[in-house]
Amino acid sequence: MINQKYPVVATILRYWILNLIILVSAGISIIFVVFFVIEKEYTANVSILPSAANFATGVNGKISALAGMAGLDLPMASGQSQEMYMGILVSRRLLHELLYHRFRINDFEGKKEGRLIDLVDVEGKNESEIFGKALKKMREEVISIGLDPDNNILNLSITLKNPELSAAVANQMVEILDKIVQNQVQKEYYEQYEYLKKRIQEIQDSIKVAEVNLEVFLEKITNIIAPKNQIEELRLRRNMEIQTTIFTELTKQKEMFILQNMINLSHIKILDHAIPPYRKSRPKRIMMTISLGFLWFCFQVGVNASSVIGKRIKADLTSTAS
């Protein structure tokens, strides 16, 4: 009855000893490979807090308004953002400096020192090819970046075969990130600050010229009540008042600009530094063993089913020939 309704089951039962031996052998092989051959990987994490400059929009608005009143279109320094950090962390500039940085670590062979590009196990015909492969591996396999949408905390994860190296690389990436951000923001800040200071000096010079012109005019004239002289005096005073108003607004703008950039020039704020993980992150051995075992079981059932189908085809061909 079983042979007719369930021929595959019947074949498995008929050759149960062979199937059992194959299944047990495969299981032992899978366990050996998963637990003793596949190398462990460890993930170290760094959490970066959002910059306080993201919340300085009120200051930005006031500075822009003052700039408009003064007739000055001055670009403001942009605040640091988590999205900007994410882009810099996988940039060629940062990864180049990271890959050629020397690390000191401990592994099963003892203390080891070398450049990261030599420790990530990539090969190539020349230095350029090795760097290209290392860059690709870092972006696709080693670095993982996530942004928590609820609190805007940036999470950087580094996965490597050595736990100490994972933590060292994660912390070094944040140091390089901070250096790049500081250099870029400081350069932008000083360029704008120098321009603003130069503009204020120009207005001060204009005020001095306006004061001298008014003083010379008042000393020179003899009939102050003459309409022509009164109009000229009003013109000179108006020019001095305009320059004074611009100077006052630009001075306020300068102080607000300094206040804003005290926030922008602050260093990157780290919530949690990376520490060497004591537990591996990959491979997930239990899940991998179960998955491979199930796949092998399906494969073995498929082999038995193929055997049944092959026998049927052979029997049909024999009966047709006869």
Protein backbone atom coordinates (compact mmCIF):
# COMPACT_ATOMS: atom_id res chain seq x y z
CA MET A 1 0.00 0.00 0.00
CA ILE A 2 2.79 2.40 0.94
CA ASN A 3 4.71 1.44 -2.20
CA GLN A 4 1.81 2.56 -4.37
CA LYS A 5 0.70 5.74 -2.58
CA TYR A 6 4.03 6.98 -1.25
CA PRO A 7 6.82 5.52 -3.38
CA VAL A 8 9.40 8.03 -2.12
CA VAL A 9 8.72 7.10 1.52
CA ALA A 10 8.88 3.45 0.57
CA THR A 11 12.28 3.96 -1.07
CA ILE A 12 13.61 5.81 2.00
CA LEU A 13 12.41 3.01 4.28
CA ARG A 14 13.82 0.35 1.99
CA TYR A 15 17.26 1.92 2.08
CA TRP A 16 16.94 3.38 5.55
CA ILE A 17 20.36 2.26 6.70
CA LEU A 18 22.09 3.94 3.75
CA ASN A 19 19.97 7.09 4.14
CA LEU A 20 20.68 7.19 7.87
CA ILE A 21 24.43 6.81 7.35
CA ILE A 22 24.44 9.59 4.73
CA LEU A 23 22.32 11.86 6.91
CA VAL A 24 24.46 11.34 10.03
CA SER A 25 27.68 11.80 8.06
CA ALA A 26 26.36 15.01 6.54
CA GLY A 27 25.24 16.26 9.96
CA ILE A 28 28.66 15.61 11.47
CA SER A 29 30.33 17.38 8.52
CA ILE A 30 28.01 20.39 8.86
CA ILE A 31 28.67 20.67 12.60
CA PHE A 32 32.42 20.40 12.07
CA VAL A 33 32.45 23.07 9.36
CA VAL A 34 30.18 25.48 11.25
CA PHE A 35 31.88 25.14 14.64
CA PHE A 36 35.52 24.59 13.68
CA VAL A 37 36.14 25.79 10.11
CA ILE A 38 34.09 28.99 9.65
CA GLU A 39 35.95 31.84 11.34
CA LYS A 40 34.31 33.89 14.07
CA GLU A 41 33.57 37.57 13.54
CA TYR A 42 33.11 40.21 16.24
CA THR A 43 31.16 43.46 16.05
CA ALA A 44 32.13 46.60 18.00
CA ASN A 45 29.73 49.54 18.25
CA VAL A 46 30.05 53.31 18.69
CA SER A 47 27.07 55.58 19.39
CA ILE A 48 27.29 59.24 18.33
CA LEU A 49 24.98 61.88 19.77
CA PRO A 50 23.43 64.53 17.49
CA SER A 51 25.22 67.86 17.37
CA ALA A 52 23.74 70.70 19.40
CA ALA A 53 24.09 72.84 16.26
CA ASN A 54 21.03 71.09 14.85
CA PHE A 55 18.93 72.91 17.42
CA ALA A 56 20.41 76.37 16.72
CA THR A 57 17.93 77.27 14.00
CA GLY A 58 16.67 80.22 16.03
CA VAL A 59 20.13 81.80 16.02
CA ASN A 60 20.47 81.13 12.30
CA GLY A 61 17.20 82.92 11.61
CA LYS A 62 18.19 85.99 13.62
CA ILE A 63 21.56 86.21 11.90
CA SER A 64 19.93 85.98 8.47
CA ALA A 65 17.48 88.74 9.40
CA LEU A 66 20.26 91.02 10.60
CA ALA A 67 22.25 90.33 7.45
CA GLY A 68 19.25 91.39 5.35
CA MET A 69 18.81 94.60 7.34
CA ALA A 70 22.47 95.43 6.80
CA GLY A 71 22.26 94.67 3.08
CA LEU A 72 24.76 91.83 3.40
CA ASP A 73 24.27 88.37 1.91
CA LEU A 74 26.63 86.38 4.14
CA PRO A 75 26.45 82.56 4.02
CA MET A 76 26.16 81.09 7.47
CA ALA A 77 28.19 78.14 8.74
CA SER A 78 26.20 74.95 8.36
CA GLY A 79 25.52 72.87 11.48
CA GLN A 80 26.80 69.37 11.84
CA SER A 81 24.24 66.65 11.09
CA GLN A 82 24.03 62.89 11.49
CA GLU A 83 23.46 62.52 7.73
CA MET A 84 26.70 64.40 7.10
CA TYR A 85 28.51 62.05 9.50
CA MET A 86 27.12 59.00 7.66
CA GLY A 87 28.48 60.27 4.35
CA ILE A 88 31.92 61.09 5.74
CA LEU A 89 32.27 57.72 7.51
CA VAL A 90 32.20 55.82 4.19
CA SER A 91 34.06 58.47 2.20
CA ARG A 92 37.25 57.62 0.34
CA ARG A 93 39.20 60.26 2.27
CA LEU A 94 38.34 58.83 5.70
CA LEU A 95 38.76 55.18 4.68
CA HIS A 96 42.10 55.90 3.04
CA GLU A 97 43.47 57.34 6.27
CA LEU A 98 41.90 54.48 8.25
CA LEU A 99 43.29 51.69 6.05
CA TYR A 100 46.83 53.06 6.27
CA HIS A 101 46.66 53.63 10.02
CA ARG A 102 48.79 51.24 12.11
CA PHE A 103 47.05 49.19 14.80
CA ARG A 104 48.45 47.10 17.64
CA ILE A 105 46.34 44.09 18.60
CA ASN A 106 46.52 40.75 20.39
CA ASP A 107 45.38 37.51 18.75
CA PHE A 108 46.00 33.78 19.14
CA GLU A 109 49.49 34.26 17.61
CA GLY A 110 50.44 36.94 20.13
CA LYS A 111 50.88 40.68 19.66
CA LYS A 112 50.52 41.94 16.12
CA GLU A 113 51.11 45.37 14.60
CA GLY A 114 50.41 46.61 11.11
CA ARG A 115 48.34 48.74 8.80
CA LEU A 116 44.65 47.91 8.62
CA ILE A 117 44.93 47.30 4.88
CA ASP A 118 47.36 44.47 5.70
CA LEU A 119 45.14 43.04 8.46
CA VAL A 120 41.87 42.74 6.50
CA ASP A 121 43.20 39.92 4.27
CA VAL A 122 42.87 41.32 0.74
CA GLU A 123 45.17 40.51 -2.15
CA GLY A 124 45.95 42.24 -5.42
CA LYS A 125 48.53 42.70 -8.14
CA ASN A 126 49.54 46.16 -6.94
CA GLU A 127 48.89 48.69 -4.18
CA SER A 128 46.09 50.38 -6.11
CA GLU A 129 44.19 47.13 -6.63
CA ILE A 130 44.68 46.11 -2.99
CA PHE A 131 43.35 49.47 -1.81
CA GLY A 132 40.33 49.21 -4.13
CA LYS A 133 39.44 45.74 -2.83
CA ALA A 134 39.99 46.81 0.78
CA LEU A 135 37.79 49.87 0.24
CA LYS A 136 35.01 47.70 -1.20
CA LYS A 137 35.28 45.18 1.63
CA MET A 138 35.12 47.91 4.27
CA ARG A 139 31.98 49.43 2.76
CA GLU A 140 30.16 46.15 2.05
CA GLU A 141 31.25 43.77 4.81
CA VAL A 142 32.93 45.61 7.67
CA ILE A 143 31.13 48.93 8.18
CA SER A 144 27.48 49.18 9.13
CA ILE A 145 25.84 52.55 9.90
CA GLY A 146 22.36 53.05 11.29
CA LEU A 147 20.39 56.07 12.46
CA ASP A 148 17.82 55.74 15.24
CA PRO A 149 14.84 57.81 14.00
CA ASP A 150 13.42 58.31 17.51
CA ASN A 151 16.41 59.99 19.17
CA ASN A 152 18.66 60.73 16.16
CA ILE A 153 21.56 58.71 17.61
CA LEU A 154 24.01 57.43 15.00
CA ASN A 155 25.25 53.85 15.47
CA LEU A 156 28.51 52.77 13.83
CA SER A 157 29.29 49.02 13.80
CA ILE A 158 32.58 47.42 12.76
CA THR A 159 32.72 43.65 12.16
CA LEU A 160 36.12 41.95 11.95
CA LYS A 161 37.67 38.63 12.97
CA ASN A 162 39.58 40.13 15.90
CA PRO A 163 37.54 41.75 18.73
CA GLU A 164 40.31 44.17 19.73
CA LEU A 165 40.78 45.27 16.14
CA SER A 166 37.02 45.82 15.71
CA ALA A 167 36.92 48.17 18.70
CA ALA A 168 40.14 49.95 17.71
CA VAL A 169 38.92 50.54 14.15
CA ALA A 170 35.55 51.86 15.34
CA ASN A 171 37.13 54.35 17.75
CA GLN A 172 39.74 55.41 15.18
CA MET A 173 37.01 56.08 12.61
CA VAL A 174 35.32 58.48 15.02
CA GLU A 175 38.63 60.25 15.67
CA ILE A 176 39.24 60.71 11.94
CA LEU A 177 35.63 61.83 11.47
CA ASP A 178 36.04 64.47 14.18
CA LYS A 179 39.30 65.71 12.63
CA ILE A 180 37.74 66.03 9.16
CA VAL A 181 34.66 67.81 10.50
CA GLN A 182 36.70 70.19 12.64
CA ASN A 183 39.08 71.06 9.80
CA GLN A 184 36.25 71.69 7.36
CA VAL A 185 34.03 73.64 9.76
CA GLN A 186 36.93 75.68 11.13
CA LYS A 187 38.07 76.60 7.63
CA GLU A 188 34.55 77.74 6.73
CA TYR A 189 34.24 79.61 10.02
CA TYR A 190 37.49 81.56 9.70
CA GLU A 191 36.79 82.49 6.08
CA GLN A 192 33.40 83.95 7.01
CA TYR A 193 34.71 85.54 10.20
CA GLU A 194 37.53 87.31 8.34
CA TYR A 195 35.09 88.56 5.71
CA LEU A 196 32.76 89.90 8.41
CA LYS A 197 35.63 91.55 10.31
CA LYS A 198 36.88 93.16 7.09
CA ARG A 199 33.42 94.53 6.32
CA ILE A 200 33.12 96.03 9.82
CA GLN A 201 36.51 97.71 9.42
CA GLU A 202 35.39 99.20 6.10
CA ILE A 203 32.26 100.63 7.74
CA GLN A 204 34.36 102.09 10.59
CA ASP A 205 36.56 103.83 8.04
CA SER A 206 33.46 105.18 6.28
CA ILE A 207 32.12 106.55 9.58
CA LYS A 208 35.40 108.34 10.26
CA VAL A 209 35.33 109.88 6.78
CA ALA A 210 31.71 110.98 7.27
CA GLU A 211 32.56 112.56 10.65
CA VAL A 212 35.54 114.42 9.18
CA ASN A 213 33.44 115.70 6.26
CA LEU A 214 30.76 116.97 8.65
CA GLU A 215 33.35 118.61 10.91
CA VAL A 216 35.08 120.35 8.00
CA PHE A 217 31.74 121.59 6.65
CA LEU A 218 30.63 123.01 10.03
CA GLU A 219 33.98 124.79 10.52
CA LYS A 220 33.97 126.24 7.02
CA ILE A 221 30.48 127.72 6.74
CA THR A 222 29.60 131.11 8.19
CA ASN A 223 25.82 131.19 7.63
CA ILE A 224 24.35 127.98 9.08
CA ILE A 225 20.74 129.11 8.56
CA ALA A 226 21.09 129.37 4.80
CA PRO A 227 18.85 126.76 3.09
CA LYS A 228 21.70 125.47 0.94
CA ASN A 229 23.93 124.96 3.98
CA GLN A 230 21.14 123.30 5.97
CA ILE A 231 20.48 120.80 3.17
CA GLU A 232 24.19 119.99 2.91
CA GLU A 233 24.42 119.49 6.67
CA LEU A 234 21.40 117.15 6.62
CA ARG A 235 23.00 115.14 3.80
CA LEU A 236 26.28 114.77 5.68
CA ARG A 237 24.53 113.82 8.94
CA ARG A 238 22.29 111.29 7.13
CA ASN A 239 25.32 109.64 5.55
CA MET A 240 27.00 109.38 8.96
CA GLU A 241 23.84 107.94 10.58
CA ILE A 242 23.46 105.32 7.83
CA GLN A 243 27.04 104.19 8.26
CA THR A 244 26.59 104.09 12.06
CA THR A 245 23.41 101.98 11.75
CA ILE A 246 25.16 99.50 9.45
CA PHE A 247 28.10 99.33 11.85
CA THR A 248 25.78 98.62 14.80
CA GLU A 249 23.95 95.82 12.98
CA LEU A 250 27.14 94.24 11.67
CA THR A 251 28.62 94.27 15.19
CA LYS A 252 25.54 92.47 16.49
CA GLN A 253 25.80 90.00 13.64
CA LYS A 254 29.45 89.34 14.45
CA GLU A 255 28.64 88.53 18.08
CA MET A 256 25.78 86.20 17.07
CA PHE A 257 28.01 84.56 14.46
CA ILE A 258 30.62 83.82 17.15
CA LEU A 259 27.93 82.46 19.47
CA GLN A 260 26.54 80.14 16.81
CA ASN A 261 29.94 78.79 15.84
CA MET A 262 30.88 78.05 19.42
CA ILE A 263 28.31 75.25 18.92
CA ASN A 264 29.38 74.32 15.39
CA LEU A 265 33.05 74.11 16.37
CA SER A 266 32.35 71.69 19.22
CA HIS A 267 33.79 68.20 18.89
CA ILE A 268 31.72 65.15 17.99
CA LYS A 269 29.85 63.86 21.03
CA ILE A 270 30.15 60.13 21.67
CA LEU A 271 27.56 58.35 23.80
CA ASP A 272 29.35 54.97 23.94
CA HIS A 273 32.93 54.28 22.88
CA ALA A 274 33.65 50.94 21.25
CA ILE A 275 34.98 48.18 23.50
CA PRO A 276 36.27 44.76 22.39
CA PRO A 277 33.20 42.46 22.22
CA TYR A 278 33.51 39.24 24.23
CA ARG A 279 30.84 37.43 22.17
CA LYS A 280 31.00 36.80 18.46
CA SER A 281 28.38 38.32 16.18
CA ARG A 282 28.82 35.91 13.28
CA PRO A 283 28.27 33.16 12.38
CA LYS A 284 25.01 32.27 14.13
CA ARG A 285 26.04 28.67 14.61
CA ILE A 286 22.80 27.12 15.86
CA MET A 287 20.69 28.73 13.14
CA MET A 288 23.27 27.95 10.48
CA THR A 289 23.49 24.29 11.59
CA ILE A 290 19.69 23.90 11.59
CA SER A 291 19.36 25.61 8.20
CA LEU A 292 22.10 23.54 6.54
CA GLY A 293 20.76 20.36 8.12
CA PHE A 294 17.27 21.06 6.82
CA LEU A 295 18.62 21.84 3.35
CA TRP A 296 20.60 18.61 3.33
CA PHE A 297 17.53 16.64 4.46
CA CYS A 298 15.53 18.16 1.57
CA PHE A 299 18.38 17.32 -0.79
CA GLN A 300 18.44 13.71 0.41
CA VAL A 301 14.67 13.39 -0.03
CA GLY A 302 15.08 14.86 -3.50
CA VAL A 303 17.74 12.25 -4.35
CA ASN A 304 15.38 9.45 -3.27
CA ALA A 305 12.55 11.01 -5.28
CA SER A 306 14.85 11.25 -8.30
CA SER A 307 15.67 7.57 -7.88
CA VAL A 308 11.96 6.65 -7.93
CA ILE A 309 11.30 8.82 -10.98
CA GLY A 310 14.31 7.34 -12.75
CA LYS A 311 13.10 3.80 -12.12
CA ARG A 312 9.63 4.66 -13.43
CA ILE A 313 11.03 6.23 -16.59
CA LYS A 314 13.24 3.19 -17.14
CA ALA A 315 10.27 0.83 -16.64
CA ASP A 316 8.11 2.84 -19.07
CA LEU A 317 10.84 2.77 -21.70
CA THR A 318 11.27 -1.02 -21.25
CA SER A 319 7.53 -1.68 -21.57
CA THR A 320 7.30 0.55 -24.66
CA ALA A 321 10.23 -1.23 -26.33
CA SER A 322 8.73 -4.64 -25.68
